[in-house]
C-alpha cells in the first residue's frame, strides 16, 4: 500500500477551529499535538466546547484517532488564542 502523509500547524482559537483546515483525501487517521502554553479541547464536530471533547494538555498533549476523511476535527483553546510557534501540530495518514 501507498502511505501518504499530510502535516501542518494550526493556531487554535477560543472559538471552534478546524484541525486541519483541509482534510487529506483518503485519510485514515490523524495525530494532533498541542504545543501551546494552554490546554485545548478537541472533538469531531464544530460545536466543540470546553466541556464536550478531549482535553489535550499544554506543551505536548496529544491524541491519535482513526478518523477518516469524512471526520472533521475541531479544537478550542481553554483560555486564550494560541500564538504563532505555540500552535497545534497535526499529521494525517492514509
N, C-alpha and C. Protein backbone atom coordinates (compact mmCIF):
# COMPACT_ATOMS: atom_id res chain seq x y z
N UNK A 1 0.82 -1.20 0.00
CA UNK A 1 0.00 0.00 0.00
C UNK A 1 0.86 1.26 0.00
N UNK A 2 0.31 2.30 -0.54
CA UNK A 2 0.98 3.59 -0.55
C UNK A 2 0.60 4.37 0.70
N UNK A 3 1.58 4.97 1.37
CA UNK A 3 1.32 5.80 2.54
C UNK A 3 1.49 7.25 2.13
N UNK A 4 0.46 8.02 2.37
CA UNK A 4 0.50 9.46 2.09
C UNK A 4 0.36 10.17 3.42
N UNK A 5 1.20 11.15 3.63
CA UNK A 5 1.19 11.86 4.90
C UNK A 5 1.02 13.35 4.64
N UNK A 6 0.10 13.96 5.36
CA UNK A 6 -0.04 15.41 5.32
C UNK A 6 0.21 15.93 6.71
N UNK A 7 0.85 17.08 6.83
CA UNK A 7 1.09 17.62 8.15
C UNK A 7 1.07 19.14 8.10
N UNK A 8 0.98 19.75 9.25
CA UNK A 8 0.96 21.20 9.30
C UNK A 8 0.79 21.71 10.71
N UNK A 9 0.58 23.00 10.80
CA UNK A 9 0.42 23.69 12.08
C UNK A 9 -0.81 24.57 11.99
N UNK A 10 -1.65 24.52 13.01
CA UNK A 10 -2.86 25.33 13.06
C UNK A 10 -2.94 26.02 14.42
N UNK A 11 -2.98 27.37 14.47
CA UNK A 11 -3.22 28.03 15.75
C UNK A 11 -4.68 27.83 16.16
N UNK A 12 -4.91 27.30 17.36
CA UNK A 12 -6.27 27.07 17.85
C UNK A 12 -6.76 28.33 18.56
N UNK A 13 -8.01 28.70 18.27
CA UNK A 13 -8.60 29.92 18.82
C UNK A 13 -9.57 29.59 19.95
N UNK A 14 -10.13 30.60 20.57
CA UNK A 14 -11.13 30.39 21.63
C UNK A 14 -12.51 30.13 21.03
N UNK A 15 -12.59 30.03 19.71
CA UNK A 15 -13.79 29.58 19.00
C UNK A 15 -13.40 28.31 18.24
N UNK A 16 -14.36 27.51 17.85
CA UNK A 16 -14.08 26.25 17.17
C UNK A 16 -13.16 26.47 15.97
N UNK A 17 -12.07 25.71 15.93
CA UNK A 17 -11.06 25.81 14.88
C UNK A 17 -10.86 24.44 14.26
N UNK A 18 -11.00 24.34 12.94
CA UNK A 18 -10.78 23.06 12.25
C UNK A 18 -9.29 22.71 12.28
N UNK A 19 -8.98 21.47 12.67
CA UNK A 19 -7.60 20.99 12.70
C UNK A 19 -7.57 19.63 12.02
N UNK A 20 -7.04 19.54 10.81
CA UNK A 20 -6.53 20.61 9.97
C UNK A 20 -7.66 21.37 9.29
N UNK A 21 -7.33 22.49 8.65
CA UNK A 21 -8.36 23.27 7.98
C UNK A 21 -8.84 22.59 6.71
N UNK A 22 -8.00 21.79 6.08
CA UNK A 22 -8.38 20.99 4.91
C UNK A 22 -7.97 19.55 5.17
N UNK A 23 -8.91 18.62 5.02
CA UNK A 23 -8.67 17.22 5.32
C UNK A 23 -8.01 16.53 4.14
N UNK A 24 -6.98 15.72 4.41
CA UNK A 24 -6.29 14.93 3.40
C UNK A 24 -7.26 13.92 2.78
N UNK A 25 -7.36 13.91 1.45
CA UNK A 25 -8.23 12.97 0.76
C UNK A 25 -7.82 11.54 1.08
N UNK A 26 -8.77 10.73 1.47
CA UNK A 26 -8.49 9.33 1.79
C UNK A 26 -7.88 9.11 3.16
N UNK A 27 -7.90 10.12 4.00
CA UNK A 27 -7.30 9.99 5.33
C UNK A 27 -7.91 8.83 6.11
N UNK A 28 -7.04 8.11 6.84
CA UNK A 28 -7.49 7.02 7.71
C UNK A 28 -7.32 7.36 9.19
N UNK A 29 -6.31 8.18 9.50
CA UNK A 29 -6.09 8.55 10.89
C UNK A 29 -5.45 9.93 10.97
N UNK A 30 -5.55 10.52 12.17
CA UNK A 30 -4.97 11.84 12.39
C UNK A 30 -4.35 11.88 13.78
N UNK A 31 -3.17 12.50 13.87
CA UNK A 31 -2.46 12.73 15.13
C UNK A 31 -2.49 14.23 15.37
N UNK A 32 -2.90 14.64 16.56
CA UNK A 32 -2.95 16.06 16.91
C UNK A 32 -2.13 16.26 18.18
N UNK A 33 -1.24 17.28 18.17
CA UNK A 33 -0.42 17.58 19.34
C UNK A 33 -0.50 19.07 19.66
N UNK A 34 -0.81 19.35 20.91
CA UNK A 34 -0.92 20.73 21.39
C UNK A 34 0.45 21.21 21.87
N UNK A 35 1.04 22.16 21.16
CA UNK A 35 2.33 22.72 21.56
C UNK A 35 2.19 24.10 22.19
N UNK A 36 0.96 24.50 22.46
CA UNK A 36 0.72 25.80 23.06
C UNK A 36 0.87 25.79 24.57
N UNK A 37 0.86 26.96 25.20
CA UNK A 37 1.05 27.07 26.65
C UNK A 37 -0.23 26.81 27.45
N UNK A 38 -1.36 26.60 26.77
CA UNK A 38 -2.63 26.37 27.45
C UNK A 38 -3.31 25.13 26.91
N UNK A 39 -4.19 24.51 27.71
CA UNK A 39 -4.92 23.34 27.27
C UNK A 39 -5.85 23.69 26.11
N UNK A 40 -6.11 22.69 25.27
CA UNK A 40 -7.12 22.82 24.23
C UNK A 40 -8.06 21.63 24.36
N UNK A 41 -9.26 21.75 23.80
CA UNK A 41 -10.24 20.66 23.79
C UNK A 41 -10.58 20.37 22.34
N UNK A 42 -10.58 19.07 21.96
CA UNK A 42 -10.87 18.68 20.58
C UNK A 42 -12.04 17.71 20.53
N UNK A 43 -12.83 17.79 19.46
CA UNK A 43 -13.98 16.91 19.26
C UNK A 43 -14.21 16.75 17.76
N UNK A 44 -15.08 15.81 17.41
CA UNK A 44 -15.34 15.54 16.00
C UNK A 44 -16.55 16.30 15.47
N UNK A 45 -16.78 17.48 16.01
CA UNK A 45 -17.87 18.31 15.49
C UNK A 45 -17.53 19.78 15.71
N UNK A 46 -18.20 20.63 14.97
CA UNK A 46 -17.90 22.06 15.04
C UNK A 46 -18.50 22.72 16.27
N UNK A 47 -19.32 22.00 17.03
CA UNK A 47 -19.89 22.56 18.24
C UNK A 47 -19.05 22.20 19.47
N UNK A 48 -17.75 21.93 19.25
CA UNK A 48 -16.85 21.62 20.35
C UNK A 48 -16.90 22.76 21.38
N UNK A 49 -16.85 22.38 22.65
CA UNK A 49 -16.81 23.38 23.72
C UNK A 49 -15.83 22.89 24.77
N UNK A 50 -15.63 23.68 25.79
CA UNK A 50 -14.68 23.31 26.84
C UNK A 50 -15.16 22.11 27.65
N UNK A 51 -16.44 21.71 27.48
CA UNK A 51 -16.98 20.60 28.25
C UNK A 51 -17.38 19.38 27.43
N UNK A 52 -17.20 19.42 26.10
CA UNK A 52 -17.65 18.26 25.30
C UNK A 52 -16.61 17.76 24.31
N UNK A 53 -15.42 17.51 24.79
CA UNK A 53 -14.39 16.98 23.92
C UNK A 53 -13.27 16.36 24.74
N UNK A 54 -12.17 16.07 24.08
CA UNK A 54 -11.00 15.50 24.72
C UNK A 54 -10.01 16.64 24.99
N UNK A 55 -9.60 16.77 26.25
CA UNK A 55 -8.66 17.83 26.63
C UNK A 55 -7.24 17.38 26.33
N UNK A 56 -6.50 18.24 25.61
CA UNK A 56 -5.08 17.99 25.34
C UNK A 56 -4.27 18.96 26.19
N UNK A 57 -3.41 18.43 27.03
CA UNK A 57 -2.60 19.24 27.94
C UNK A 57 -1.71 20.20 27.16
N UNK A 58 -1.34 21.28 27.82
CA UNK A 58 -0.40 22.25 27.24
C UNK A 58 0.97 21.60 27.03
N UNK A 59 1.73 22.15 26.10
CA UNK A 59 3.13 21.76 25.89
C UNK A 59 3.32 20.28 25.59
N UNK A 60 2.50 19.74 24.69
CA UNK A 60 2.76 18.38 24.20
C UNK A 60 1.63 17.38 24.31
N UNK A 61 0.50 17.73 24.92
CA UNK A 61 -0.62 16.80 24.98
C UNK A 61 -1.03 16.39 23.58
N UNK A 62 -1.35 15.10 23.37
CA UNK A 62 -1.66 14.66 22.01
C UNK A 62 -2.67 13.53 22.01
N UNK A 63 -3.19 13.26 20.82
CA UNK A 63 -4.15 12.19 20.61
C UNK A 63 -4.01 11.70 19.17
N UNK A 64 -4.21 10.40 18.97
CA UNK A 64 -4.27 9.80 17.64
C UNK A 64 -5.63 9.15 17.49
N UNK A 65 -6.31 9.45 16.39
CA UNK A 65 -7.65 8.92 16.15
C UNK A 65 -7.74 8.26 14.79
N UNK A 66 -8.46 7.14 14.72
CA UNK A 66 -8.82 6.56 13.44
C UNK A 66 -10.01 7.36 12.95
N UNK A 67 -9.72 8.44 12.31
CA UNK A 67 -10.72 9.45 11.93
C UNK A 67 -10.57 9.70 10.43
N UNK A 68 -11.47 9.11 9.64
CA UNK A 68 -11.37 9.18 8.18
C UNK A 68 -11.59 10.56 7.60
N UNK A 69 -11.61 10.62 6.28
CA UNK A 69 -11.70 11.90 5.58
C UNK A 69 -13.08 12.54 5.69
N UNK A 70 -14.06 11.82 6.23
CA UNK A 70 -15.38 12.43 6.45
C UNK A 70 -15.53 12.91 7.90
N UNK A 71 -14.49 12.74 8.69
CA UNK A 71 -14.50 13.10 10.11
C UNK A 71 -13.74 14.42 10.29
N UNK A 72 -14.45 15.47 10.60
CA UNK A 72 -13.83 16.79 10.79
C UNK A 72 -13.48 17.01 12.26
N UNK A 73 -12.22 17.23 12.55
CA UNK A 73 -11.78 17.51 13.92
C UNK A 73 -11.80 19.02 14.14
N UNK A 74 -12.31 19.42 15.30
CA UNK A 74 -12.31 20.83 15.68
C UNK A 74 -11.79 20.95 17.10
N UNK A 75 -11.05 22.02 17.36
CA UNK A 75 -10.49 22.25 18.68
C UNK A 75 -10.79 23.67 19.13
N UNK A 76 -10.75 23.89 20.44
CA UNK A 76 -10.98 25.20 21.02
C UNK A 76 -9.96 25.41 22.14
N UNK A 77 -9.40 26.61 22.22
CA UNK A 77 -8.42 26.92 23.26
C UNK A 77 -9.14 27.21 24.58
N UNK A 78 -8.57 26.74 25.68
CA UNK A 78 -9.19 26.89 27.00
C UNK A 78 -9.30 28.36 27.44
N UNK A 79 -8.20 29.12 27.31
CA UNK A 79 -8.20 30.46 27.91
C UNK A 79 -7.92 31.59 26.94
N UNK A 80 -7.05 31.39 25.98
CA UNK A 80 -6.68 32.45 25.05
C UNK A 80 -6.24 31.83 23.73
N UNK A 81 -6.33 32.58 22.64
CA UNK A 81 -5.89 32.09 21.34
C UNK A 81 -4.43 31.67 21.40
N UNK A 82 -4.09 30.60 20.70
CA UNK A 82 -2.69 30.20 20.62
C UNK A 82 -1.94 31.20 19.75
N UNK A 83 -0.67 31.35 20.03
CA UNK A 83 0.17 32.26 19.28
C UNK A 83 1.07 31.48 18.34
N UNK A 84 1.59 32.15 17.33
CA UNK A 84 2.50 31.52 16.38
C UNK A 84 3.68 30.90 17.14
N UNK A 85 4.04 29.68 16.76
CA UNK A 85 5.13 28.99 17.43
C UNK A 85 4.64 28.13 18.59
N UNK A 86 3.44 28.40 19.07
CA UNK A 86 2.87 27.61 20.14
C UNK A 86 1.57 26.98 19.70
N UNK A 87 1.51 26.65 18.44
CA UNK A 87 0.26 26.19 17.84
C UNK A 87 0.12 24.67 17.95
N UNK A 88 -0.89 24.15 17.27
CA UNK A 88 -1.20 22.73 17.29
C UNK A 88 -0.69 22.07 16.02
N UNK A 89 0.11 21.03 16.19
CA UNK A 89 0.62 20.27 15.04
C UNK A 89 -0.33 19.14 14.73
N UNK A 90 -0.40 18.75 13.46
CA UNK A 90 -1.19 17.58 13.09
C UNK A 90 -0.47 16.78 12.01
N UNK A 91 -0.71 15.48 12.01
CA UNK A 91 -0.20 14.59 10.97
C UNK A 91 -1.37 13.72 10.55
N UNK A 92 -1.61 13.63 9.23
CA UNK A 92 -2.69 12.80 8.68
C UNK A 92 -2.05 11.66 7.88
N UNK A 93 -2.62 10.46 8.01
CA UNK A 93 -2.13 9.31 7.26
C UNK A 93 -3.28 8.66 6.51
N UNK A 94 -2.97 8.19 5.30
CA UNK A 94 -3.97 7.39 4.60
C UNK A 94 -3.33 6.16 4.02
